[in-house]
PDB file of all heavy atoms in Angstrom:
ATOM      1  N   PRO A   1      -2.497  -7.715 -10.352  1.00  0.00           N
ATOM      2  CA  PRO A   1      -3.649  -8.010  -9.650  1.00  0.00           C
ATOM      3  C   PRO A   1      -3.718  -7.343  -8.214  1.00  0.00           C
ATOM      4  O   PRO A   1      -4.774  -7.501  -7.573  1.00  0.00           O
ATOM      5  CB  PRO A   1      -3.810  -9.456  -9.507  1.00  0.00           C
ATOM      6  CG  PRO A   1      -2.807  -9.988 -10.497  1.00  0.00           C
ATOM      7  CD  PRO A   1      -1.766  -8.974 -10.587  1.00  0.00           C
ATOM      8  N   TYR A   2      -2.699  -6.734  -7.670  1.00  0.00           N
ATOM      9  CA  TYR A   2      -2.524  -6.376  -6.418  1.00  0.00           C
ATOM     10  C   TYR A   2      -2.603  -4.848  -6.066  1.00  0.00           C
ATOM     11  O   TYR A   2      -2.718  -4.518  -4.899  1.00  0.00           O
ATOM     12  CB  TYR A   2      -1.236  -6.869  -5.712  1.00  0.00           C
ATOM     13  CG  TYR A   2      -1.143  -8.425  -5.745  1.00  0.00           C
ATOM     14  CD1 TYR A   2      -0.601  -9.103  -6.796  1.00  0.00           C
ATOM     15  CD2 TYR A   2      -1.612  -9.072  -4.521  1.00  0.00           C
ATOM     16  CE1 TYR A   2      -0.606 -10.528  -6.707  1.00  0.00           C
ATOM     17  CE2 TYR A   2      -1.532 -10.441  -4.528  1.00  0.00           C
ATOM     18  CZ  TYR A   2      -0.984 -11.163  -5.630  1.00  0.00           C
ATOM     19  OH  TYR A   2      -0.974 -12.542  -5.571  1.00  0.00           O
ATOM     20  N   HIS A   3      -2.621  -4.003  -7.184  1.00  0.00           N
ATOM     21  CA  HIS A   3      -2.663  -2.612  -6.946  1.00  0.00           C
ATOM     22  C   HIS A   3      -3.980  -1.994  -6.910  1.00  0.00           C
ATOM     23  O   HIS A   3      -4.936  -2.546  -7.573  1.00  0.00           O
ATOM     24  CB  HIS A   3      -1.606  -1.858  -7.953  1.00  0.00           C
ATOM     25  CG  HIS A   3      -2.145  -1.813  -9.362  1.00  0.00           C
ATOM     26  ND1 HIS A   3      -3.138  -0.943  -9.728  1.00  0.00           N
ATOM     27  CD2 HIS A   3      -1.792  -2.560 -10.440  1.00  0.00           C
ATOM     28  CE1 HIS A   3      -3.411  -1.074 -11.047  1.00  0.00           C
ATOM     29  NE2 HIS A   3      -2.605  -2.045 -11.502  1.00  0.00           N
ATOM     30  N   VAL A   4      -4.105  -0.934  -6.155  1.00  0.00           N
ATOM     31  CA  VAL A   4      -5.397  -0.115  -6.070  1.00  0.00           C
ATOM     32  C   VAL A   4      -5.582   0.485  -7.440  1.00  0.00           C
ATOM     33  O   VAL A   4      -4.612   1.048  -8.087  1.00  0.00           O
ATOM     34  CB  VAL A   4      -5.195   0.881  -4.953  1.00  0.00           C
ATOM     35  CG1 VAL A   4      -6.521   1.660  -4.896  1.00  0.00           C
ATOM     36  CG2 VAL A   4      -4.935   0.268  -3.594  1.00  0.00           C
ATOM     37  N   TYR A   5      -6.832   0.587  -7.908  1.00  0.00           N
ATOM     38  CA  TYR A   5      -7.120   1.367  -9.070  1.00  0.00           C
ATOM     39  C   TYR A   5      -8.446   1.946  -9.050  1.00  0.00           C
ATOM     40  O   TYR A   5      -9.327   1.639  -8.094  1.00  0.00           O
ATOM     41  CB  TYR A   5      -6.998   0.375 -10.268  1.00  0.00           C
ATOM     42  CG  TYR A   5      -8.053  -0.727 -10.363  1.00  0.00           C
ATOM     43  CD1 TYR A   5      -9.154  -0.658 -11.133  1.00  0.00           C
ATOM     44  CD2 TYR A   5      -7.773  -1.962  -9.644  1.00  0.00           C
ATOM     45  CE1 TYR A   5     -10.117  -1.689 -11.133  1.00  0.00           C
ATOM     46  CE2 TYR A   5      -8.722  -2.937  -9.648  1.00  0.00           C
ATOM     47  CZ  TYR A   5      -9.889  -2.848 -10.495  1.00  0.00           C
ATOM     48  OH  TYR A   5     -10.896  -3.843 -10.432  1.00  0.00           O
ATOM     49  N   VAL A   6      -8.748   2.777  -9.984  1.00  0.00           N
ATOM     50  CA  VAL A   6     -10.088   3.464 -10.106  1.00  0.00           C
ATOM     51  C   VAL A   6     -10.764   2.892 -11.420  1.00  0.00           C
ATOM     52  O   VAL A   6     -10.128   2.938 -12.507  1.00  0.00           O
ATOM     53  CB  VAL A   6      -9.885   5.006 -10.226  1.00  0.00           C
ATOM     54  CG1 VAL A   6     -11.304   5.637 -10.366  1.00  0.00           C
ATOM     55  CG2 VAL A   6      -9.192   5.529  -9.039  1.00  0.00           C
ATOM     56  N   ASN A   7     -11.912   2.420 -11.228  1.00  0.00           N
ATOM     57  CA  ASN A   7     -12.660   1.791 -12.362  1.00  0.00           C
ATOM     58  C   ASN A   7     -13.376   2.801 -13.188  1.00  0.00           C
ATOM     59  O   ASN A   7     -13.317   4.030 -12.902  1.00  0.00           O
ATOM     60  CB  ASN A   7     -13.703   0.683 -11.930  1.00  0.00           C
ATOM     61  CG  ASN A   7     -14.794   1.224 -11.133  1.00  0.00           C
ATOM     62  OD1 ASN A   7     -15.101   2.389 -11.071  1.00  0.00           O
ATOM     63  ND2 ASN A   7     -15.524   0.349 -10.406  1.00  0.00           N
ATOM     64  N   ASP A   8     -13.942   2.410 -14.232  1.00  0.00           N
ATOM     65  CA  ASP A   8     -14.591   3.399 -15.072  1.00  0.00           C
ATOM     66  C   ASP A   8     -15.734   4.166 -14.573  1.00  0.00           C
ATOM     67  O   ASP A   8     -16.072   5.291 -15.002  1.00  0.00           O
ATOM     68  CB  ASP A   8     -15.217   2.523 -16.440  1.00  0.00           C
ATOM     69  CG  ASP A   8     -14.077   2.041 -17.237  1.00  0.00           C
ATOM     70  OD1 ASP A   8     -12.919   2.488 -17.176  1.00  0.00           O
ATOM     71  OD2 ASP A   8     -14.378   0.979 -17.993  1.00  0.00           O
ATOM     72  N   GLU A   9     -16.249   3.739 -13.448  1.00  0.00           N
ATOM     73  CA  GLU A   9     -17.372   4.363 -12.728  1.00  0.00           C
ATOM     74  C   GLU A   9     -16.858   5.377 -11.663  1.00  0.00           C
ATOM     75  O   GLU A   9     -17.629   6.027 -11.077  1.00  0.00           O
ATOM     76  CB  GLU A   9     -18.334   3.459 -12.134  1.00  0.00           C
ATOM     77  CG  GLU A   9     -19.236   2.601 -13.104  1.00  0.00           C
ATOM     78  CD  GLU A   9     -18.413   1.571 -13.758  1.00  0.00           C
ATOM     79  OE1 GLU A   9     -17.588   0.863 -13.162  1.00  0.00           O
ATOM     80  OE2 GLU A   9     -18.680   1.507 -15.076  1.00  0.00           O
ATOM     81  N   GLY A  10     -15.512   5.463 -11.556  1.00  0.00           N
ATOM     82  CA  GLY A  10     -14.872   6.296 -10.659  1.00  0.00           C
ATOM     83  C   GLY A  10     -14.798   5.777  -9.231  1.00  0.00           C
ATOM     84  O   GLY A  10     -14.378   6.462  -8.288  1.00  0.00           O
ATOM     85  N   GLU A  11     -15.033   4.433  -9.090  1.00  0.00           N
ATOM     86  CA  GLU A  11     -14.873   3.861  -7.826  1.00  0.00           C
ATOM     87  C   GLU A  11     -13.452   3.294  -7.499  1.00  0.00           C
ATOM     88  O   GLU A  11     -12.785   2.802  -8.424  1.00  0.00           O
ATOM     89  CB  GLU A  11     -15.903   2.569  -7.716  1.00  0.00           C
ATOM     90  CG  GLU A  11     -17.269   2.933  -7.959  1.00  0.00           C
ATOM     91  CD  GLU A  11     -18.193   1.689  -8.203  1.00  0.00           C
ATOM     92  OE1 GLU A  11     -17.718   0.759  -8.969  1.00  0.00           O
ATOM     93  OE2 GLU A  11     -19.253   1.703  -7.619  1.00  0.00           O
ATOM     94  N   VAL A  12     -13.001   3.574  -6.331  1.00  0.00           N
ATOM     95  CA  VAL A  12     -11.587   3.049  -5.990  1.00  0.00           C
ATOM     96  C   VAL A  12     -11.832   1.615  -5.554  1.00  0.00           C
ATOM     97  O   VAL A  12     -12.502   1.263  -4.610  1.00  0.00           O
ATOM     98  CB  VAL A  12     -11.122   3.857  -4.756  1.00  0.00           C
ATOM     99  CG1 VAL A  12      -9.807   3.368  -4.361  1.00  0.00           C
ATOM    100  CG2 VAL A  12     -11.015   5.378  -5.139  1.00  0.00           C
ATOM    101  N   ILE A  13     -10.991   0.774  -6.287  1.00  0.00           N
ATOM    102  CA  ILE A  13     -10.985  -0.683  -6.059  1.00  0.00           C
ATOM    103  C   ILE A  13      -9.685  -1.142  -5.310  1.00  0.00           C
ATOM    104  O   ILE A  13      -8.628  -0.924  -5.825  1.00  0.00           O
ATOM    105  CB  ILE A  13     -11.165  -1.485  -7.462  1.00  0.00           C
ATOM    106  CG1 ILE A  13     -12.371  -0.947  -8.096  1.00  0.00           C
ATOM    107  CG2 ILE A  13     -11.213  -2.975  -7.138  1.00  0.00           C
ATOM    108  CD1 ILE A  13     -13.699  -1.095  -7.435  1.00  0.00           C
ATOM    109  N   LYS A  14      -9.895  -1.599  -4.148  1.00  0.00           N
ATOM    110  CA  LYS A  14      -8.713  -2.115  -3.421  1.00  0.00           C
ATOM    111  C   LYS A  14      -8.830  -3.638  -3.433  1.00  0.00           C
ATOM    112  O   LYS A  14      -9.641  -4.280  -2.787  1.00  0.00           O
ATOM    113  CB  LYS A  14      -8.758  -1.636  -1.918  1.00  0.00           C
ATOM    114  CG  LYS A  14      -8.562  -0.121  -1.881  1.00  0.00           C
ATOM    115  CD  LYS A  14      -8.697   0.438  -0.447  1.00  0.00           C
ATOM    116  CE  LYS A  14      -8.464   1.866  -0.398  1.00  0.00           C
ATOM    117  NZ  LYS A  14      -8.471   2.360   0.984  1.00  0.00           N
ATOM    118  N   PRO A  15      -7.939  -4.369  -4.263  1.00  0.00           N
ATOM    119  CA  PRO A  15      -8.020  -5.752  -4.320  1.00  0.00           C
ATOM    120  C   PRO A  15      -7.807  -6.465  -2.923  1.00  0.00           C
ATOM    121  O   PRO A  15      -7.127  -5.874  -2.088  1.00  0.00           O
ATOM    122  CB  PRO A  15      -6.808  -6.236  -5.220  1.00  0.00           C
ATOM    123  CG  PRO A  15      -6.660  -4.884  -6.009  1.00  0.00           C
ATOM    124  CD  PRO A  15      -6.850  -3.840  -5.011  1.00  0.00           C
ATOM    125  N   GLU A  16      -8.428  -7.488  -2.702  1.00  0.00           N
ATOM    126  CA  GLU A  16      -8.367  -8.324  -1.465  1.00  0.00           C
ATOM    127  C   GLU A  16      -7.372  -9.429  -1.724  1.00  0.00           C
ATOM    128  O   GLU A  16      -7.441 -10.117  -2.742  1.00  0.00           O
ATOM    129  CB  GLU A  16      -9.670  -8.861  -1.119  1.00  0.00           C
ATOM    130  CG  GLU A  16     -10.636  -7.729  -0.696  1.00  0.00           C
ATOM    131  CD  GLU A  16     -11.999  -8.366  -0.096  1.00  0.00           C
ATOM    132  OE1 GLU A  16     -11.989  -9.519   0.130  1.00  0.00           O
ATOM    133  OE2 GLU A  16     -12.790  -7.527   0.131  1.00  0.00           O
ATOM    134  N   PHE A  17      -6.482  -9.533  -0.775  1.00  0.00           N
ATOM    135  CA  PHE A  17      -5.389 -10.650  -0.817  1.00  0.00           C
ATOM    136  C   PHE A  17      -4.934 -10.938   0.422  1.00  0.00           C
ATOM    137  O   PHE A  17      -5.124 -10.078   1.417  1.00  0.00           O
ATOM    138  CB  PHE A  17      -4.393 -10.343  -1.759  1.00  0.00           C
ATOM    139  CG  PHE A  17      -3.645  -8.992  -1.616  1.00  0.00           C
ATOM    140  CD1 PHE A  17      -2.751  -8.648  -0.726  1.00  0.00           C
ATOM    141  CD2 PHE A  17      -4.065  -7.792  -2.382  1.00  0.00           C
ATOM    142  CE1 PHE A  17      -2.170  -7.404  -0.454  1.00  0.00           C
ATOM    143  CE2 PHE A  17      -3.548  -6.632  -2.292  1.00  0.00           C
ATOM    144  CZ  PHE A  17      -2.479  -6.410  -1.247  1.00  0.00           C
ATOM    145  N   GLU A  18      -4.194 -11.984   0.692  1.00  0.00           N
ATOM    146  CA  GLU A  18      -3.611 -12.384   1.911  1.00  0.00           C
ATOM    147  C   GLU A  18      -2.403 -11.538   2.152  1.00  0.00           C
ATOM    148  O   GLU A  18      -1.555 -11.361   1.311  1.00  0.00           O
ATOM    149  CB  GLU A  18      -3.293 -13.814   1.998  1.00  0.00           C
ATOM    150  CG  GLU A  18      -2.830 -14.345   3.320  1.00  0.00           C
ATOM    151  CD  GLU A  18      -2.649 -15.803   3.484  1.00  0.00           C
ATOM    152  OE1 GLU A  18      -2.909 -16.512   2.404  1.00  0.00           O
ATOM    153  OE2 GLU A  18      -2.309 -16.300   4.432  1.00  0.00           O
ATOM    154  N   GLY A  19      -2.299 -10.834   3.375  1.00  0.00           N
ATOM    155  CA  GLY A  19      -1.143 -10.034   3.654  1.00  0.00           C
ATOM    156  C   GLY A  19       0.025 -10.710   3.843  1.00  0.00           C
ATOM    157  O   GLY A  19       0.112 -11.907   4.165  1.00  0.00           O
ATOM    158  N   PRO A  20       1.220 -10.019   3.747  1.00  0.00           N
ATOM    159  CA  PRO A  20       2.645 -10.560   3.895  1.00  0.00           C
ATOM    160  C   PRO A  20       2.745 -10.987   5.351  1.00  0.00           C
ATOM    161  O   PRO A  20       2.131 -10.481   6.392  1.00  0.00           O
ATOM    162  CB  PRO A  20       3.485  -9.420   3.544  1.00  0.00           C
ATOM    163  CG  PRO A  20       2.761  -8.168   3.653  1.00  0.00           C
ATOM    164  CD  PRO A  20       1.318  -8.559   3.343  1.00  0.00           C
ATOM    165  N   ASP A  21       3.661 -11.992   5.671  1.00  0.00           N
ATOM    166  CA  ASP A  21       3.990 -12.375   6.948  1.00  0.00           C
ATOM    167  C   ASP A  21       5.336 -12.308   7.422  1.00  0.00           C
ATOM    168  O   ASP A  21       5.673 -12.593   8.526  1.00  0.00           O
ATOM    169  CB  ASP A  21       3.412 -13.884   7.219  1.00  0.00           C
ATOM    170  CG  ASP A  21       3.772 -14.738   6.048  1.00  0.00           C
ATOM    171  OD1 ASP A  21       4.855 -14.449   5.406  1.00  0.00           O
ATOM    172  OD2 ASP A  21       3.089 -15.709   5.872  1.00  0.00           O
ATOM    173  N   ILE A  22       6.267 -11.885   6.510  1.00  0.00           N
ATOM    174  CA  ILE A  22       7.596 -11.722   6.773  1.00  0.00           C
ATOM    175  C   ILE A  22       7.659 -10.162   7.461  1.00  0.00           C
ATOM    176  O   ILE A  22       7.247  -9.165   6.905  1.00  0.00           O
ATOM    177  CB  ILE A  22       8.657 -11.733   5.722  1.00  0.00           C
ATOM    178  CG1 ILE A  22       8.658 -13.094   5.211  1.00  0.00           C
ATOM    179  CG2 ILE A  22       9.984 -11.189   6.094  1.00  0.00           C
ATOM    180  CD1 ILE A  22       9.561 -13.375   3.980  1.00  0.00           C
ATOM    181  N   PRO A  23       8.132 -10.035   8.673  1.00  0.00           N
ATOM    182  CA  PRO A  23       8.128  -8.696   9.415  1.00  0.00           C
ATOM    183  C   PRO A  23       9.050  -7.789   8.742  1.00  0.00           C
ATOM    184  O   PRO A  23      10.225  -8.078   8.254  1.00  0.00           O
ATOM    185  CB  PRO A  23       8.562  -9.002  10.821  1.00  0.00           C
ATOM    186  CG  PRO A  23       9.332 -10.214  10.742  1.00  0.00           C
ATOM    187  CD  PRO A  23       8.684 -11.031   9.698  1.00  0.00           C
ATOM    188  N   VAL A  24       8.636  -6.527   8.637  1.00  0.00           N
ATOM    189  CA  VAL A  24       9.467  -5.379   8.158  1.00  0.00           C
ATOM    190  C   VAL A  24       9.614  -4.321   9.216  1.00  0.00           C
ATOM    191  O   VAL A  24       8.670  -3.984   9.929  1.00  0.00           O
ATOM    192  CB  VAL A  24       8.696  -4.679   6.864  1.00  0.00           C
ATOM    193  CG1 VAL A  24       9.489  -3.537   6.402  1.00  0.00           C
ATOM    194  CG2 VAL A  24       8.398  -5.751   5.769  1.00  0.00           C
ATOM    195  N   ILE A  25      10.857  -3.939   9.254  1.00  0.00           N
ATOM    196  CA  ILE A  25      11.239  -2.774  10.205  1.00  0.00           C
ATOM    197  C   ILE A  25      11.852  -1.709   9.399  1.00  0.00           C
ATOM    198  O   ILE A  25      12.664  -1.973   8.530  1.00  0.00           O
ATOM    199  CB  ILE A  25      12.187  -3.334  11.313  1.00  0.00           C
ATOM    200  CG1 ILE A  25      11.587  -4.435  12.139  1.00  0.00           C
ATOM    201  CG2 ILE A  25      12.639  -2.197  12.210  1.00  0.00           C
ATOM    202  CD1 ILE A  25      12.489  -5.025  13.168  1.00  0.00           C
ATOM    203  N   ILE A  26      11.380  -0.463   9.671  1.00  0.00           N
ATOM    204  CA  ILE A  26      11.680   0.708   8.898  1.00  0.00           C
ATOM    205  C   ILE A  26      12.399   1.722   9.705  1.00  0.00           C
ATOM    206  O   ILE A  26      12.044   2.150  10.848  1.00  0.00           O
ATOM    207  CB  ILE A  26      10.574   1.269   8.171  1.00  0.00           C
ATOM    208  CG1 ILE A  26       9.904   0.222   7.220  1.00  0.00           C
ATOM    209  CG2 ILE A  26      10.904   2.512   7.421  1.00  0.00           C
ATOM    210  CD1 ILE A  26       8.655   0.667   6.522  1.00  0.00           C
ATOM    211  N   CYS A  27      13.695   2.189   9.144  1.00  0.00           N
ATOM    212  CA  CYS A  27      14.338   3.226   9.799  1.00  0.00           C
ATOM    213  C   CYS A  27      14.390   4.384   8.715  1.00  0.00           C
ATOM    214  O   CYS A  27      15.237   4.409   7.777  1.00  0.00           O
ATOM    215  CB  CYS A  27      15.879   2.815   9.991  1.00  0.00           C
ATOM    216  SG  CYS A  27      16.082   1.296  10.960  1.00  0.00           S
ATOM    217  N   PRO A  28      13.496   5.306   8.856  1.00  0.00           N
ATOM    218  CA  PRO A  28      13.385   6.388   7.767  1.00  0.00           C
ATOM    219  C   PRO A  28      14.408   7.480   8.021  1.00  0.00           C
ATOM    220  O   PRO A  28      14.849   7.874   9.117  1.00  0.00           O
ATOM    221  CB  PRO A  28      11.990   6.968   8.072  1.00  0.00           C
ATOM    222  CG  PRO A  28      11.740   6.688   9.528  1.00  0.00           C
ATOM    223  CD  PRO A  28      12.468   5.466   9.901  1.00  0.00           C
ATOM    224  N   THR A  29      14.814   7.991   6.766  1.00  0.00           N
ATOM    225  CA  THR A  29      15.816   9.090   6.776  1.00  0.00           C
ATOM    226  C   THR A  29      15.162  10.413   6.239  1.00  0.00           C
ATOM    227  O   THR A  29      15.873  11.465   6.096  1.00  0.00           O
ATOM    228  CB  THR A  29      17.040   8.744   6.031  1.00  0.00           C
ATOM    229  OG1 THR A  29      16.724   8.396   4.765  1.00  0.00           O
ATOM    230  CG2 THR A  29      17.753   7.621   6.648  1.00  0.00           C
ATOM    231  N   THR A  30      13.969  10.320   5.825  1.00  0.00           N
ATOM    232  CA  THR A  30      13.171  11.515   5.399  1.00  0.00           C
ATOM    233  C   THR A  30      11.918  11.601   6.094  1.00  0.00           C
ATOM    234  O   THR A  30      11.644  10.874   7.092  1.00  0.00           O
ATOM    235  CB  THR A  30      12.934  11.452   3.777  1.00  0.00           C
ATOM    236  OG1 THR A  30      12.118  10.242   3.541  1.00  0.00           O
ATOM    237  CG2 THR A  30      14.270  11.306   3.176  1.00  0.00           C
ATOM    238  N   LEU A  31      11.003  12.565   5.738  1.00  0.00           N
ATOM    239  CA  LEU A  31       9.842  12.845   6.510  1.00  0.00           C
ATOM    240  C   LEU A  31       8.524  12.601   5.875  1.00  0.00           C
ATOM    241  O   LEU A  31       7.450  13.141   6.241  1.00  0.00           O
ATOM    242  CB  LEU A  31       9.965  14.360   6.871  1.00  0.00           C
ATOM    243  CG  LEU A  31      11.079  14.674   7.905  1.00  0.00           C
ATOM    244  CD1 LEU A  31      11.197  16.214   8.009  1.00  0.00           C
ATOM    245  CD2 LEU A  31      10.807  14.053   9.211  1.00  0.00           C
ATOM    246  N   SER A  32       8.556  11.816   4.789  1.00  0.00           N
ATOM    247  CA  SER A  32       7.245  11.695   4.010  1.00  0.00           C
ATOM    248  C   SER A  32       6.168  10.839   4.845  1.00  0.00           C
ATOM    249  O   SER A  32       5.013  10.913   4.486  1.00  0.00           O
ATOM    250  CB  SER A  32       7.516  10.995   2.618  1.00  0.00           C
ATOM    251  OG  SER A  32       8.098   9.758   2.882  1.00  0.00           O
ATOM    252  N   GLY A  33       6.625  10.185   5.871  1.00  0.00           N
ATOM    253  CA  GLY A  33       5.735   9.477   6.747  1.00  0.00           C
ATOM    254  C   GLY A  33       5.333   7.954   6.250  1.00  0.00           C
ATOM    255  O   GLY A  33       4.536   7.404   6.942  1.00  0.00           O
ATOM    256  N   GLY A  34       5.680   7.588   5.044  1.00  0.00           N
ATOM    257  CA  GLY A  34       5.223   6.320   4.483  1.00  0.00           C
ATOM    258  C   GLY A  34       5.582   5.191   5.339  1.00  0.00           C
ATOM    259  O   GLY A  34       4.935   4.050   5.283  1.00  0.00           O
ATOM    260  N   GLU A  35       6.503   5.238   6.198  1.00  0.00           N
ATOM    261  CA  GLU A  35       6.905   4.116   7.072  1.00  0.00           C
ATOM    262  C   GLU A  35       5.756   3.752   7.980  1.00  0.00           C
ATOM    263  O   GLU A  35       5.885   2.590   8.511  1.00  0.00           O
ATOM    264  CB  GLU A  35       8.108   4.464   7.945  1.00  0.00           C
ATOM    265  CG  GLU A  35       8.003   5.772   8.844  1.00  0.00           C
ATOM    266  CD  GLU A  35       8.292   7.070   8.220  1.00  0.00           C
ATOM    267  OE1 GLU A  35       8.492   7.087   6.964  1.00  0.00           O
ATOM    268  OE2 GLU A  35       8.475   8.078   8.879  1.00  0.00           O
ATOM    269  N   PHE A  36       4.839   4.552   8.269  1.00  0.00           N
ATOM    270  CA  PHE A  36       3.688   4.162   9.161  1.00  0.00           C
ATOM    271  C   PHE A  36       2.513   3.602   8.363  1.00  0.00           C
ATOM    272  O   PHE A  36       1.606   3.204   8.960  1.00  0.00           O
ATOM    273  CB  PHE A  36       3.309   5.396   9.994  1.00  0.00           C
ATOM    274  CG  PHE A  36       4.317   5.802  10.999  1.00  0.00           C
ATOM    275  CD1 PHE A  36       5.187   6.792  10.735  1.00  0.00           C
ATOM    276  CD2 PHE A  36       4.610   5.021  12.114  1.00  0.00           C
ATOM    277  CE1 PHE A  36       6.138   7.096  11.595  1.00  0.00           C
ATOM    278  CE2 PHE A  36       5.537   5.423  13.089  1.00  0.00           C
ATOM    279  CZ  PHE A  36       6.340   6.496  12.796  1.00  0.00           C
ATOM    280  N   ASN A  37       2.628   3.740   7.087  1.00  0.00           N
ATOM    281  CA  ASN A  37       1.397   3.533   6.258  1.00  0.00           C
ATOM    282  C   ASN A  37       1.387   2.147   5.670  1.00  0.00           C
ATOM    283  O   ASN A  37       2.367   1.492   5.218  1.00  0.00           O
ATOM    284  CB  ASN A  37       1.453   4.481   5.013  1.00  0.00           C
ATOM    285  CG  ASN A  37       0.074   4.729   4.412  1.00  0.00           C
ATOM    286  OD1 ASN A  37      -0.821   3.945   4.658  1.00  0.00           O
ATOM    287  ND2 ASN A  37       0.046   5.765   3.580  1.00  0.00           N
ATOM    288  N   PRO A  38       0.122   1.404   5.717  1.00  0.00           N
ATOM    289  CA  PRO A  38       0.131   0.045   5.043  1.00  0.00           C
ATOM    290  C   PRO A  38      -0.078   0.221   3.533  1.00  0.00           C
ATOM    291  O   PRO A  38      -0.086  -0.746   2.870  1.00  0.00           O
ATOM    292  CB  PRO A  38      -1.198  -0.496   5.723  1.00  0.00           C
ATOM    293  CG  PRO A  38      -1.965   0.746   6.077  1.00  0.00           C
ATOM    294  CD  PRO A  38      -1.075   1.751   6.380  1.00  0.00           C
ATOM    295  N   LEU A  39      -0.117   1.479   3.099  1.00  0.00           N
ATOM    296  CA  LEU A  39      -0.061   1.639   1.633  1.00  0.00           C
ATOM    297  C   LEU A  39       1.169   2.062   1.130  1.00  0.00           C
ATOM    298  O   LEU A  39       2.035   2.932   1.724  1.00  0.00           O
ATOM    299  CB  LEU A  39      -1.038   2.892   1.330  1.00  0.00           C
ATOM    300  CG  LEU A  39      -1.132   3.448  -0.103  1.00  0.00           C
ATOM    301  CD1 LEU A  39      -1.785   2.412  -0.986  1.00  0.00           C
ATOM    302  CD2 LEU A  39      -1.922   4.737  -0.179  1.00  0.00           C
ATOM    303  N   SER A  40       1.576   1.438   0.077  1.00  0.00           N
ATOM    304  CA  SER A  40       2.862   1.580  -0.549  1.00  0.00           C
ATOM    305  C   SER A  40       2.766   1.961  -2.038  1.00  0.00           C
ATOM    306  O   SER A  40       1.826   1.454  -2.639  1.00  0.00           O
ATOM    307  CB  SER A  40       3.856   0.512  -0.448  1.00  0.00           C
ATOM    308  OG  SER A  40       4.345   0.309   0.865  1.00  0.00           O
ATOM    309  N   GLY A  41       3.709   2.753  -2.648  1.00  0.00           N
ATOM    310  CA  GLY A  41       3.668   3.089  -4.040  1.00  0.00           C
ATOM    311  C   GLY A  41       4.741   2.506  -4.805  1.00  0.00           C
ATOM    312  O   GLY A  41       5.941   2.424  -4.383  1.00  0.00           O
ATOM    313  N   ALA A  42       4.497   2.061  -6.028  1.00  0.00           N
ATOM    314  CA  ALA A  42       5.538   1.543  -6.944  1.00  0.00           C
ATOM    315  C   ALA A  42       5.158   1.967  -8.336  1.00  0.00           C
ATOM    316  O   ALA A  42       4.000   2.152  -8.546  1.00  0.00           O
ATOM    317  CB  ALA A  42       5.767   0.062  -6.880  1.00  0.00           C
TER     318      ALA A  42
END
């Protein structure tokens, strides 16, 4: 229920939910830039 998806009409659906509250600190070793993004991929 939490991942972004595209519906049959081609609309991007971003589910609404309460955000996490445990702080995350990131030390990146590559350059993709995802460390700054609130979007994550799995």
